[in-house]
């Protein structure tokens, strides 16, 4: 499974298991409308009733498991964010992008790990199966 990041130098694919990054050339990722209206919203993604939003505050993420009726904070140790993507096949698998790094949660946003590759000016992320 890979995460694709749109960066200042082009699209970069990062393998989740090996954490190896590979430049794939130029291009842009689709940025769907977030579908939620929140103060300080930067980006959002949804899968079923799970919604994850990047906000311009600390902590940088909020997560809803009931389609936006209630929210919980997430990512208290993460840097300011740019983008987020929920895996289409595993709603607990979330990719979060700061300006230079990708971060992954495998438990719906409770715990996060930072992937090794350093990137340049990440603006969007997506999952590739």
Protein backbone atom coordinates (compact mmCIF):
# COMPACT_ATOMS: atom_id res chain seq x y z
CA UNK A 1 0.00 0.00 0.00
CA UNK A 2 1.28 3.47 -0.87
CA UNK A 3 0.60 7.07 -0.03
CA UNK A 4 0.96 9.51 -2.91
CA UNK A 5 1.90 13.07 -2.01
CA UNK A 6 1.65 16.10 -4.25
CA UNK A 7 4.75 18.18 -3.53
CA UNK A 8 6.61 21.16 -4.96
CA UNK A 9 8.77 18.78 -7.04
CA UNK A 10 5.91 16.57 -8.28
CA UNK A 11 4.08 13.44 -7.18
CA UNK A 12 5.95 11.25 -4.72
CA UNK A 13 4.83 7.71 -3.83
CA UNK A 14 5.80 6.40 -0.39
CA UNK A 15 5.52 2.67 0.33
CA UNK A 16 3.91 2.22 3.73
CA UNK A 17 5.90 -0.91 4.66
CA UNK A 18 9.39 0.05 3.48
CA UNK A 19 8.92 3.84 3.79
CA UNK A 20 10.77 4.18 0.49
CA UNK A 21 9.87 7.30 -1.53
CA UNK A 22 9.89 7.45 -5.31
CA UNK A 23 9.36 10.53 -7.48
CA UNK A 24 6.67 9.83 -10.09
CA UNK A 25 6.87 13.06 -12.08
CA UNK A 26 4.60 16.05 -12.34
CA UNK A 27 0.88 16.07 -11.78
CA UNK A 28 -1.79 17.00 -9.30
CA UNK A 29 -3.97 14.98 -6.98
CA UNK A 30 -7.72 15.49 -6.92
CA UNK A 31 -8.82 17.57 -3.98
CA UNK A 32 -12.45 16.75 -3.24
CA UNK A 33 -14.54 19.34 -1.43
CA UNK A 34 -14.36 18.62 2.30
CA UNK A 35 -18.13 18.33 2.77
CA UNK A 36 -17.95 19.86 6.24
CA UNK A 37 -18.12 23.42 7.46
CA UNK A 38 -15.80 24.08 10.36
CA UNK A 39 -13.92 27.14 11.57
CA UNK A 40 -10.21 27.17 10.58
CA UNK A 41 -10.70 24.21 8.19
CA UNK A 42 -7.73 23.52 5.88
CA UNK A 43 -8.62 20.09 4.46
CA UNK A 44 -10.85 17.10 5.17
CA UNK A 45 -11.65 13.59 4.01
CA UNK A 46 -14.50 11.21 4.76
CA UNK A 47 -15.15 7.49 4.56
CA UNK A 48 -18.59 6.33 5.62
CA UNK A 49 -19.42 8.09 8.87
CA UNK A 50 -15.75 8.84 9.68
CA UNK A 51 -14.63 12.39 8.89
CA UNK A 52 -11.11 13.66 9.54
CA UNK A 53 -10.44 17.39 9.29
CA UNK A 54 -7.18 19.36 9.30
CA UNK A 55 -7.65 22.63 11.15
CA UNK A 56 -5.41 25.65 11.64
CA UNK A 57 -4.95 25.21 15.40
CA UNK A 58 -3.39 22.86 17.98
CA UNK A 59 -3.93 19.94 17.84
CA UNK A 60 -4.15 20.03 14.05
CA UNK A 61 -6.76 17.30 13.55
CA UNK A 62 -10.32 16.63 14.59
CA UNK A 63 -12.08 13.33 13.98
CA UNK A 64 -15.76 12.45 13.84
CA UNK A 65 -17.10 8.91 13.79
CA UNK A 66 -20.72 10.00 13.36
CA UNK A 67 -20.58 12.07 10.14
CA UNK A 68 -19.75 15.33 11.91
CA UNK A 69 -22.28 15.32 14.74
CA UNK A 70 -19.57 15.07 17.42
CA UNK A 71 -15.79 15.59 17.19
CA UNK A 72 -12.66 14.59 19.11
CA UNK A 73 -9.20 16.14 18.90
CA UNK A 74 -6.30 14.15 17.44
CA UNK A 75 -2.62 14.55 16.70
CA UNK A 76 -1.52 16.62 19.69
CA UNK A 77 2.16 15.92 18.92
CA UNK A 78 1.91 16.53 15.17
CA UNK A 79 3.12 19.65 13.35
CA UNK A 80 0.73 21.98 11.53
CA UNK A 81 -1.02 20.20 8.68
CA UNK A 82 -1.75 20.57 5.01
CA UNK A 83 -3.77 17.52 3.91
CA UNK A 84 -5.42 14.30 5.05
CA UNK A 85 -6.64 11.11 3.38
CA UNK A 86 -8.57 8.13 4.73
CA UNK A 87 -7.86 4.78 3.09
CA UNK A 88 -10.85 3.76 0.96
CA UNK A 89 -10.48 0.13 2.07
CA UNK A 90 -9.58 0.64 5.76
CA UNK A 91 -11.27 3.62 7.47
CA UNK A 92 -8.92 3.33 10.47
CA UNK A 93 -5.92 3.96 8.19
CA UNK A 94 -5.33 7.71 7.89
CA UNK A 95 -2.54 9.65 6.16
CA UNK A 96 -1.80 13.16 7.39
CA UNK A 97 0.60 15.56 5.68
CA UNK A 98 2.55 18.38 7.24
CA UNK A 99 4.67 20.61 5.01
CA UNK A 100 7.60 18.17 4.87
CA UNK A 101 6.46 14.83 6.32
CA UNK A 102 3.77 12.18 6.10
CA UNK A 103 2.25 10.72 9.23
CA UNK A 104 0.10 7.58 9.49
CA UNK A 105 -2.47 6.35 11.96
CA UNK A 106 -3.65 2.76 11.85
CA UNK A 107 -6.24 3.13 14.61
CA UNK A 108 -8.53 5.92 13.44
CA UNK A 109 -6.34 8.82 14.57
CA UNK A 110 -5.52 7.85 18.14
CA UNK A 111 -1.81 7.11 17.64
CA UNK A 112 0.48 8.41 14.87
CA UNK A 113 3.85 7.48 13.41
CA UNK A 114 5.98 9.68 11.21
CA UNK A 115 7.31 8.19 7.98
CA UNK A 116 11.02 8.57 7.24
CA UNK A 117 11.09 10.43 3.88
CA UNK A 118 11.43 14.20 4.01
CA UNK A 119 9.42 15.90 1.28
CA UNK A 120 9.23 19.44 -0.08
CA UNK A 121 6.06 21.49 0.37
CA UNK A 122 3.34 18.80 0.50
CA UNK A 123 -0.05 20.15 -0.59
CA UNK A 124 -2.19 16.99 -0.99
CA UNK A 125 -2.17 13.24 -0.18
CA UNK A 126 -4.04 10.19 -1.42
CA UNK A 127 -3.97 6.43 -0.87
CA UNK A 128 -3.01 4.02 -3.60
CA UNK A 129 -3.97 0.36 -3.08
